[in-house]
Amino acid sequence: MATFSFWYSETYTNKGFFEADSEEQAQELLGKVQYGELGLEDLPSWGFKDKGYDFEAEPSTLEEI
């Protein structure tokens, strides 16, 4: 039996929410997440809702390895 590889991409779309004292503080916290200084789970009262999932395979990249 042979082994094959291929490239694919996955996209998860979520809507996140958290608490902040002001929009300015919310922007600051979100910026820290964007630049890796905080994780999403570090945001106060962090939560999210799953909005979608997409999967795309690239059959042209299929090759035996």
Protein backbone atom coordinates (compact mmCIF):
# COMPACT_ATOMS: atom_id res chain seq x y z
CA MET A 1 0.00 0.00 0.00
CA ALA A 2 1.39 3.45 -0.95
CA THR A 3 1.35 6.70 1.03
CA PHE A 4 0.20 9.93 -0.60
CA SER A 5 0.34 13.58 0.41
CA PHE A 6 -1.59 16.66 -0.70
CA TRP A 7 -2.02 20.29 0.29
CA TYR A 8 -5.24 21.55 1.83
CA SER A 9 -6.53 24.57 3.73
CA GLU A 10 -9.02 24.94 6.55
CA THR A 11 -10.76 28.12 7.62
CA TYR A 12 -12.61 28.40 10.90
CA THR A 13 -14.83 31.46 11.31
CA ASN A 14 -15.83 32.45 14.84
CA LYS A 15 -17.34 35.45 16.54
CA GLY A 16 -15.53 36.24 19.79
CA PHE A 17 -16.63 38.37 22.71
CA PHE A 18 -15.07 39.65 25.93
CA GLU A 19 -15.51 42.34 28.57
CA ALA A 20 -13.66 45.66 28.83
CA ASP A 21 -14.25 48.96 30.64
CA SER A 22 -14.25 50.94 27.40
CA GLU A 23 -13.83 50.60 23.66
CA GLU A 24 -10.31 51.98 24.08
CA GLN A 25 -9.43 49.20 26.52
CA ALA A 26 -11.07 46.62 24.25
CA GLN A 27 -8.92 47.82 21.32
CA GLU A 28 -5.80 47.62 23.48
CA LEU A 29 -6.59 44.07 24.62
CA LEU A 30 -7.44 42.92 21.11
CA GLY A 31 -4.16 44.42 19.86
CA LYS A 32 -2.26 42.41 22.48
CA VAL A 33 -3.95 39.23 21.24
CA GLN A 34 -3.17 40.11 17.62
CA TYR A 35 0.53 40.60 18.42
CA GLY A 36 0.84 37.49 20.60
CA GLU A 37 1.15 39.26 23.94
CA LEU A 38 -2.10 37.65 25.19
CA GLY A 39 -4.01 34.53 24.24
CA LEU A 40 -7.72 34.67 23.48
CA GLU A 41 -8.40 32.73 26.67
CA ASP A 42 -6.69 35.56 28.62
CA LEU A 43 -9.36 38.10 27.63
CA PRO A 44 -11.79 38.90 30.47
CA SER A 45 -14.93 36.73 30.24
CA TRP A 46 -13.76 35.35 26.88
CA GLY A 47 -16.30 33.44 24.79
CA PHE A 48 -16.96 32.64 21.16
CA LYS A 49 -19.57 31.28 18.81
CA ASP A 50 -18.74 29.06 15.86
CA LYS A 51 -19.92 30.71 12.63
CA GLY A 52 -18.52 28.41 9.94
CA TYR A 53 -15.93 26.00 8.63
CA ASP A 54 -14.47 25.65 5.12
CA PHE A 55 -12.20 22.92 3.77
CA GLU A 56 -10.46 23.02 0.41
CA ALA A 57 -8.23 20.25 -0.94
CA GLU A 58 -5.83 20.78 -3.84
CA PRO A 59 -6.03 17.52 -5.85
CA SER A 60 -3.34 18.76 -8.25
CA THR A 61 -0.79 18.48 -5.41
CA LEU A 62 -1.45 14.76 -4.82
CA GLU A 63 1.81 12.83 -4.92
CA GLU A 64 3.12 9.52 -3.76
CA ILE A 65 5.74 9.79 -1.04
